[in-house]
Amino acid sequence: MLNPTRAFLLGPLLKGVSRSFYLTLRVLPAGMRDPIGLAYLLARAADTIADTSLIPPEQRLALLLSLRAQVNGAADEGAFLQRMAVEVAGQQTHSDEKVLLESLGPALAVLAQLGESDRAAVREIVTTLTQGMEYDLRTFPDERSGQIVALQELADLDRYTYLVAGCVGEFWTKMTYAHMPGTLKGEPRIMLARGVRFGKALQMTNVLRDCGKDLRIGRCYLPVTLLERFGLTPQDLLVPANSLRAQPLLFELVRLSLDHFREAVEYTLAIPAFSVRLRLACLWPVMIGLETLLLLVHNDDWLDPGKVSKIQRNKVYQVMGYSLPAVASNTLVRNWAAGLIRRIEARLQA
C-alpha cells in the first residue's frame, strides 16, 4: 500500500504540475510509475529553479547544482531545503510549483526508499536533465538583458535535445527492461537508440513550436550555421512578419524531426500489442507531437509568440479516444502515423 506522502507526491502534486504527463503515468504498468513519476517531479523542480527569472542566472545555477547534489546523496539536506524555501519557493506565482518546491524534502526521502537500481536510474536521469538546464543557464544571457545568443552548430542542437529529452527516452527504455523484462522486441542497443530519438523528436517539436517565445528571452536554439544557409540572423526571427521568409528553415528542421518520429513509431511498435498500457504511454506523445508538427507547417505566422502552434485540449482527447481501438493493431498504428507524416510532407513539398 502506498504511504500517504508518496501517494500525495505521485498523485495530486504530480497531476497539478503536469496534467498531460499525469495522464501518461496513469496508464503505465505499476512497477514503472514510482521511479518515473518521482524522476519527473525532481526534474520539474529543477526546471522551476532554472526558469525563475526573478532570480539572477548565477544564483539559479548554484541552486540547480545544489539540487543535483542532493539527488545524488549530499549530506546537507537541511541547509539546501532552507535555501529553496527562502530563495525560490516564495517567488512562485503558481501554487502547485510552490508546493512542489516545498515538497522536495519528502521527494528526496521517497528517492532514498526506492530499490537500488531504480534509485541509481533516477539519479542518472535527473543529473543529465539538470546538465541540460545548466547548459541553458551558461549558454544564454539573462532573460531581461535584451540580448540574443544562438547555438552555433546543428550538433549543438542535437546535443541539447539529448540532454533535455533524448535521455528521457533512454531512461524510459531502461525502466521498461528493468520492470517488464522480455517486453521490448529488438536488441537493447537498438531500442535504447530509438528511445533517444523518441525524446529528441518531442523536443525538436517543442523547440520549433516555441521559437518565437524563446527568442524573446534571449534564446535561439536554431543554430547559426543553419540560419546563415537560409540568409537569416537570430534578430530576423524576432520579427513575426519574417515567418514566411524563414519557412524554408522551419521545413528543414521539420524534416529532421520527422526522421526522429519515424524511429519513435518503430519504438512504439516494438512493444507487444498485449502491453496496452505501455503502448498507450508511447503512442499518445507520438501522435500529439505529429499533430503539433502538422499545425506548425501550416502556420504562416510561426514566429509570432501570440500564434503558437499548440493543439487544443479537445484534439488531445480525440487522439486518446482513437488510440483505444487502434493501440493493439500494428497496422492501424502504422497507418495512423504514416498518414500524419504524409500530410506534413505534402506541405513541405508544396
Protein backbone atom coordinates (compact mmCIF):
# COMPACT_ATOMS: atom_id res chain seq x y z
CA MET A 1 0.00 0.00 0.00
CA LEU A 2 1.31 3.46 -0.97
CA ASN A 3 2.20 5.59 2.07
CA PRO A 4 0.36 8.95 2.31
CA THR A 5 3.41 11.08 1.42
CA ARG A 6 4.24 9.03 -1.64
CA ALA A 7 0.55 8.94 -2.62
CA PHE A 8 0.37 12.76 -2.46
CA LEU A 9 3.60 13.30 -4.40
CA LEU A 10 2.73 10.86 -7.18
CA GLY A 11 -0.97 11.72 -7.19
CA PRO A 12 -2.36 15.23 -6.60
CA LEU A 13 1.00 17.02 -6.77
CA LEU A 14 2.12 15.32 -9.97
CA LYS A 15 -1.29 15.97 -11.52
CA GLY A 16 -1.06 19.64 -10.50
CA VAL A 17 2.31 20.28 -12.12
CA SER A 18 1.73 18.22 -15.28
CA ARG A 19 -1.75 17.19 -16.33
CA SER A 20 -0.60 15.74 -19.66
CA PHE A 21 2.23 13.66 -18.20
CA TYR A 22 -0.03 12.54 -15.36
CA LEU A 23 -2.38 11.00 -17.94
CA THR A 24 0.56 9.08 -19.39
CA LEU A 25 1.79 7.99 -15.98
CA ARG A 26 -1.61 6.64 -15.00
CA VAL A 27 -1.57 4.10 -17.82
CA LEU A 28 1.96 2.88 -17.09
CA PRO A 29 2.41 -0.57 -15.53
CA ALA A 30 2.51 -0.29 -11.74
CA GLY A 31 6.22 -1.01 -11.23
CA MET A 32 7.30 1.82 -13.53
CA ARG A 33 5.06 4.54 -12.05
CA ASP A 34 7.01 5.40 -8.91
CA PRO A 35 10.53 5.85 -10.34
CA ILE A 36 9.30 7.62 -13.49
CA GLY A 37 6.86 9.82 -11.57
CA LEU A 38 9.48 10.74 -8.97
CA ALA A 39 12.07 11.49 -11.66
CA TYR A 40 9.55 13.80 -13.32
CA LEU A 41 8.85 15.66 -10.06
CA LEU A 42 12.55 16.18 -9.30
CA ALA A 43 13.23 17.31 -12.86
CA ARG A 44 10.24 19.64 -12.79
CA ALA A 45 11.52 21.17 -9.54
CA ALA A 46 14.92 21.70 -11.19
CA ASP A 47 13.24 23.25 -14.23
CA THR A 48 11.29 25.62 -11.98
CA ILE A 49 14.55 26.75 -10.38
CA ALA A 50 16.19 27.25 -13.78
CA ASP A 51 13.22 29.22 -15.13
CA THR A 52 12.61 31.57 -12.18
CA SER A 53 13.67 34.76 -13.95
CA LEU A 54 13.27 36.91 -10.82
CA ILE A 55 16.43 35.19 -9.55
CA PRO A 56 19.76 36.06 -11.27
CA PRO A 57 21.08 33.25 -13.53
CA GLU A 58 24.20 32.67 -11.45
CA GLN A 59 22.07 32.17 -8.32
CA ARG A 60 19.75 29.81 -10.20
CA LEU A 61 22.76 27.84 -11.38
CA ALA A 62 24.08 27.48 -7.83
CA LEU A 63 20.66 26.27 -6.62
CA LEU A 64 20.38 23.86 -9.54
CA LEU A 65 23.78 22.35 -8.77
CA SER A 66 22.77 22.06 -5.12
CA LEU A 67 19.62 20.17 -6.08
CA ARG A 68 21.65 17.81 -8.26
CA ALA A 69 23.99 17.18 -5.33
CA GLN A 70 21.04 16.40 -3.05
CA VAL A 71 19.58 13.96 -5.56
CA ASN A 72 22.97 12.25 -5.64
CA GLY A 73 23.12 11.91 -1.86
CA ALA A 74 24.79 15.06 -0.49
CA ALA A 75 24.60 15.34 3.29
CA ASP A 76 23.49 18.97 3.81
CA GLU A 77 19.80 18.46 3.04
CA GLY A 78 18.53 20.77 5.79
CA ALA A 79 20.54 23.76 4.60
CA PHE A 80 19.52 23.07 0.99
CA LEU A 81 15.81 22.90 1.81
CA GLN A 82 16.06 26.14 3.78
CA ARG A 83 17.67 27.87 0.78
CA MET A 84 14.93 26.58 -1.51
CA ALA A 85 12.19 27.87 0.80
CA VAL A 86 13.78 31.30 1.17
CA GLU A 87 15.22 31.92 -2.31
CA VAL A 88 12.87 30.13 -4.73
CA ALA A 89 9.56 28.89 -3.34
CA GLY A 90 8.43 32.37 -2.31
CA GLN A 91 9.00 33.64 -5.87
CA GLN A 92 6.47 31.25 -7.42
CA THR A 93 3.17 32.60 -8.70
CA HIS A 94 1.74 29.12 -9.41
CA SER A 95 0.69 27.40 -6.20
CA ASP A 96 1.42 23.88 -7.49
CA GLU A 97 5.02 24.78 -8.28
CA LYS A 98 5.38 26.41 -4.85
CA VAL A 99 4.08 23.22 -3.22
CA LEU A 100 6.46 21.15 -5.37
CA LEU A 101 9.48 23.12 -4.17
CA GLU A 102 8.26 22.89 -0.59
CA SER A 103 7.89 19.12 -1.04
CA LEU A 104 11.48 18.45 -2.06
CA GLY A 105 12.31 17.01 1.38
CA PRO A 106 9.63 14.29 1.11
CA ALA A 107 10.54 13.68 -2.55
CA LEU A 108 14.19 13.08 -1.62
CA ALA A 109 13.00 10.75 1.15
CA VAL A 110 10.96 8.74 -1.36
CA LEU A 111 14.03 8.60 -3.62
CA ALA A 112 16.02 7.08 -0.75
CA GLN A 113 13.29 4.42 -0.33
CA LEU A 114 13.48 3.19 -3.94
CA GLY A 115 15.29 -0.03 -4.75
CA GLU A 116 18.96 0.36 -5.52
CA SER A 117 18.68 0.04 -9.31
CA ASP A 118 15.69 2.39 -9.55
CA ARG A 119 17.39 4.93 -7.28
CA ALA A 120 20.52 4.85 -9.45
CA ALA A 121 18.44 5.27 -12.62
CA VAL A 122 16.51 8.25 -11.20
CA ARG A 123 19.74 9.88 -10.06
CA GLU A 124 21.25 9.39 -13.51
CA ILE A 125 18.29 10.88 -15.41
CA VAL A 126 17.93 13.87 -13.07
CA THR A 127 21.67 14.51 -13.34
CA THR A 128 21.53 14.50 -17.14
CA LEU A 129 18.41 16.67 -17.29
CA THR A 130 19.94 19.22 -14.95
CA GLN A 131 23.04 19.27 -17.17
CA GLY A 132 20.70 20.43 -19.95
CA MET A 133 19.34 23.17 -17.72
CA GLU A 134 22.87 24.10 -16.70
CA TYR A 135 23.75 24.34 -20.40
CA ASP A 136 20.88 26.81 -20.86
CA LEU A 137 21.97 28.97 -17.94
CA ARG A 138 25.63 29.00 -19.01
CA THR A 139 24.94 29.49 -22.74
CA PHE A 140 22.19 32.09 -22.87
CA PRO A 141 22.01 35.59 -21.39
CA ASP A 142 19.79 36.83 -18.58
CA GLU A 143 16.20 36.91 -19.87
CA ARG A 144 15.98 40.64 -19.12
CA SER A 145 19.23 41.63 -20.88
CA GLY A 146 17.68 42.27 -24.30
CA GLN A 147 20.43 40.18 -25.90
CA ILE A 148 20.07 37.02 -28.01
CA VAL A 149 22.55 34.15 -28.18
CA ALA A 150 22.19 31.36 -30.73
CA LEU A 151 23.59 27.85 -30.75
CA GLN A 152 26.42 27.54 -33.25
CA GLU A 153 26.12 24.17 -34.96
CA LEU A 154 23.44 21.59 -35.68
CA ALA A 155 25.46 19.24 -33.48
CA ASP A 156 24.89 21.66 -30.57
CA LEU A 157 21.13 21.43 -31.09
CA ASP A 158 21.35 17.64 -31.30
CA ARG A 159 23.34 17.52 -28.05
CA TYR A 160 20.86 19.85 -26.37
CA THR A 161 17.86 17.75 -27.41
CA TYR A 162 19.60 14.72 -25.93
CA LEU A 163 20.28 16.43 -22.60
CA VAL A 164 16.72 17.67 -22.11
CA ALA A 165 14.65 14.89 -23.75
CA GLY A 166 16.61 12.18 -25.56
CA CYS A 167 17.95 10.99 -22.22
CA VAL A 168 14.34 10.57 -21.04
CA GLY A 169 13.66 8.06 -23.83
CA GLU A 170 16.81 6.24 -22.75
CA PHE A 171 15.68 6.23 -19.10
CA TRP A 172 12.18 5.07 -20.10
CA THR A 173 13.71 2.17 -22.03
CA LYS A 174 15.90 1.15 -19.09
CA MET A 175 12.87 1.23 -16.79
CA THR A 176 10.96 -0.98 -19.21
CA TYR A 177 13.77 -3.53 -19.32
CA ALA A 178 14.04 -3.43 -15.51
CA HIS A 179 10.34 -3.70 -14.67
CA MET A 180 8.95 -5.52 -17.70
CA PRO A 181 11.74 -7.86 -18.82
CA GLY A 182 11.11 -9.52 -22.16
CA THR A 183 8.57 -6.90 -23.21
CA LEU A 184 10.51 -4.89 -25.77
CA LYS A 185 11.20 -6.67 -29.03
CA GLY A 186 14.56 -5.92 -30.61
CA GLU A 187 18.13 -5.61 -29.38
CA PRO A 188 18.63 -3.40 -26.31
CA ARG A 189 21.22 -1.34 -28.20
CA ILE A 190 18.71 -0.58 -30.96
CA MET A 191 15.86 0.12 -28.56
CA LEU A 192 17.98 2.48 -26.43
CA ALA A 193 18.98 4.40 -29.57
CA ARG A 194 15.33 4.56 -30.67
CA GLY A 195 14.34 5.75 -27.21
CA VAL A 196 16.85 8.60 -27.51
CA ARG A 197 15.44 9.60 -30.89
CA PHE A 198 11.90 9.38 -29.49
CA GLY A 199 12.81 12.02 -26.92
CA LYS A 200 14.61 14.14 -29.50
CA ALA A 201 11.52 14.09 -31.73
CA LEU A 202 9.39 15.56 -28.97
CA GLN A 203 11.99 18.18 -28.01
CA MET A 204 12.57 19.27 -31.61
CA THR A 205 8.81 19.83 -31.83
CA ASN A 206 8.96 21.97 -28.69
CA VAL A 207 11.94 23.97 -30.00
CA LEU A 208 10.18 24.79 -33.27
CA ARG A 209 6.80 25.47 -31.68
CA ASP A 210 8.23 27.78 -29.01
CA CYS A 211 10.83 29.55 -31.16
CA GLY A 212 9.11 32.96 -31.03
CA LYS A 213 8.75 32.84 -27.23
CA ASP A 214 12.30 31.60 -26.62
CA LEU A 215 13.79 34.37 -28.77
CA ARG A 216 12.18 36.95 -26.50
CA ILE A 217 14.10 35.64 -23.51
CA GLY A 218 17.36 35.66 -25.48
CA ARG A 219 17.46 32.01 -26.53
CA CYS A 220 17.85 30.93 -30.16
CA TYR A 221 18.08 27.16 -30.39
CA LEU A 222 18.19 27.31 -34.20
CA PRO A 223 21.93 27.16 -34.95
CA VAL A 224 23.86 29.96 -36.64
CA THR A 225 25.25 27.72 -39.39
CA LEU A 226 21.72 26.77 -40.44
CA LEU A 227 20.44 30.34 -40.17
CA GLU A 228 23.27 31.55 -42.39
CA ARG A 229 22.46 28.92 -45.01
CA PHE A 230 19.00 30.46 -45.33
CA GLY A 231 20.24 34.07 -45.16
CA LEU A 232 18.88 34.71 -41.68
CA THR A 233 20.06 36.02 -38.32
CA PRO A 234 18.55 35.46 -34.86
CA GLN A 235 17.35 39.10 -34.97
CA ASP A 236 15.44 38.34 -38.20
CA LEU A 237 13.48 35.66 -36.34
CA LEU A 238 12.31 38.24 -33.81
CA VAL A 239 10.13 39.81 -36.50
CA PRO A 240 6.86 37.86 -36.90
CA ALA A 241 6.50 39.26 -40.43
CA ASN A 242 9.56 37.18 -41.38
CA SER A 243 7.69 33.92 -40.73
CA LEU A 244 7.24 33.13 -44.43
CA ARG A 245 10.79 34.17 -45.27
CA ALA A 246 12.05 31.78 -42.57
CA GLN A 247 9.71 28.95 -43.54
CA PRO A 248 12.38 27.04 -45.54
CA LEU A 249 14.47 26.94 -42.35
CA LEU A 250 11.46 25.64 -40.42
CA PHE A 251 10.77 22.99 -43.05
CA GLU A 252 14.39 21.79 -42.97
CA LEU A 253 14.16 21.22 -39.22
CA VAL A 254 10.73 19.61 -39.52
CA ARG A 255 12.26 17.06 -41.93
CA LEU A 256 14.89 16.26 -39.31
CA SER A 257 12.16 15.94 -36.68
CA LEU A 258 10.17 13.54 -38.88
CA ASP A 259 13.20 11.25 -39.12
CA HIS A 260 13.19 11.10 -35.32
CA PHE A 261 9.44 10.49 -35.25
CA ARG A 262 9.79 7.52 -37.60
CA GLU A 263 12.09 5.93 -35.04
CA ALA A 264 9.60 6.78 -32.29
CA VAL A 265 6.89 4.91 -34.23
CA GLU A 266 9.17 1.87 -34.57
CA TYR A 267 9.88 2.09 -30.84
CA THR A 268 6.15 2.03 -30.09
CA LEU A 269 5.55 -0.92 -32.42
CA ALA A 270 8.34 -2.87 -30.69
CA ILE A 271 6.07 -3.01 -27.63
CA PRO A 272 3.83 -6.09 -27.89
CA ALA A 273 0.18 -5.41 -28.64
CA PHE A 274 -0.86 -7.04 -25.35
CA SER A 275 1.14 -4.43 -23.37
CA VAL A 276 -1.67 -1.95 -23.92
CA ARG A 277 -0.74 0.43 -21.10
CA LEU A 278 2.89 0.77 -22.17
CA ARG A 279 1.89 1.19 -25.81
CA LEU A 280 -0.60 3.93 -24.98
CA ALA A 281 2.01 5.75 -22.91
CA CYS A 282 4.23 5.90 -26.04
CA LEU A 283 1.52 6.29 -28.67
CA TRP A 284 -0.03 9.43 -27.20
CA PRO A 285 3.09 11.66 -27.28
CA VAL A 286 3.98 10.42 -30.78
CA MET A 287 0.58 11.30 -32.21
CA ILE A 288 0.24 14.57 -30.30
CA GLY A 289 3.74 15.53 -31.48
CA LEU A 290 2.88 14.78 -35.11
CA GLU A 291 -0.38 16.71 -34.83
CA THR A 292 1.63 19.65 -33.47
CA LEU A 293 4.06 19.50 -36.39
CA LEU A 294 1.10 19.44 -38.78
CA LEU A 295 -0.20 22.65 -37.22
CA LEU A 296 3.27 24.16 -37.33
CA VAL A 297 3.91 23.62 -41.03
CA HIS A 298 0.55 25.23 -41.82
CA ASN A 299 1.19 28.20 -39.51
CA ASP A 300 2.28 31.11 -41.70
CA ASP A 301 2.92 33.14 -38.50
CA TRP A 302 5.02 30.53 -36.71
CA LEU A 303 7.46 33.14 -35.37
CA ASP A 304 4.67 35.12 -33.69
CA PRO A 305 4.66 34.23 -29.97
CA GLY A 306 0.96 35.07 -29.90
CA LYS A 307 0.16 32.42 -32.51
CA VAL A 308 1.88 29.34 -31.14
CA SER A 309 1.03 26.03 -32.86
CA LYS A 310 -0.50 24.22 -29.91
CA ILE A 311 -3.16 21.58 -30.31
CA GLN A 312 -6.37 22.16 -28.40
CA ARG A 313 -7.47 20.01 -25.48
CA ASN A 314 -10.35 18.53 -27.46
CA LYS A 315 -7.82 17.33 -30.07
CA VAL A 316 -5.81 15.66 -27.31
CA TYR A 317 -8.95 13.83 -26.19
CA GLN A 318 -9.67 12.91 -29.80
CA VAL A 319 -6.19 11.37 -30.11
CA MET A 320 -6.70 9.47 -26.87
CA GLY A 321 -10.13 8.27 -27.98
CA TYR A 322 -8.93 7.00 -31.34
CA SER A 323 -5.91 5.33 -29.74
CA LEU A 324 -8.04 2.91 -27.71
CA PRO A 325 -9.30 0.82 -30.66
CA ALA A 326 -6.05 1.35 -32.60
CA VAL A 327 -3.43 0.59 -29.97
CA ALA A 328 -3.44 -3.21 -30.29
CA SER A 329 -3.11 -3.17 -34.08
CA ASN A 330 0.29 -2.63 -35.66
CA THR A 331 -1.41 -1.87 -38.96
CA LEU A 332 -3.70 0.81 -37.52
CA VAL A 333 -0.89 2.45 -35.55
CA ARG A 334 1.47 2.43 -38.52
CA ASN A 335 -1.19 3.76 -40.91
CA TRP A 336 -2.24 6.48 -38.46
CA ALA A 337 1.32 7.74 -38.05
CA ALA A 338 2.12 7.37 -41.76
CA GLY A 339 -0.99 9.37 -42.67
CA LEU A 340 0.05 12.28 -40.46
CA ILE A 341 3.62 12.17 -41.78
CA ARG A 342 2.35 12.21 -45.38
CA ARG A 343 0.20 15.28 -44.64
CA ILE A 344 3.20 17.07 -43.12
CA GLU A 345 5.46 16.10 -46.02
CA ALA A 346 2.87 17.25 -48.54
CA ARG A 347 3.08 20.71 -47.00
CA LEU A 348 6.89 20.60 -47.04
CA GLN A 349 6.82 19.91 -50.77
CA ALA A 350 4.11 22.43 -51.67
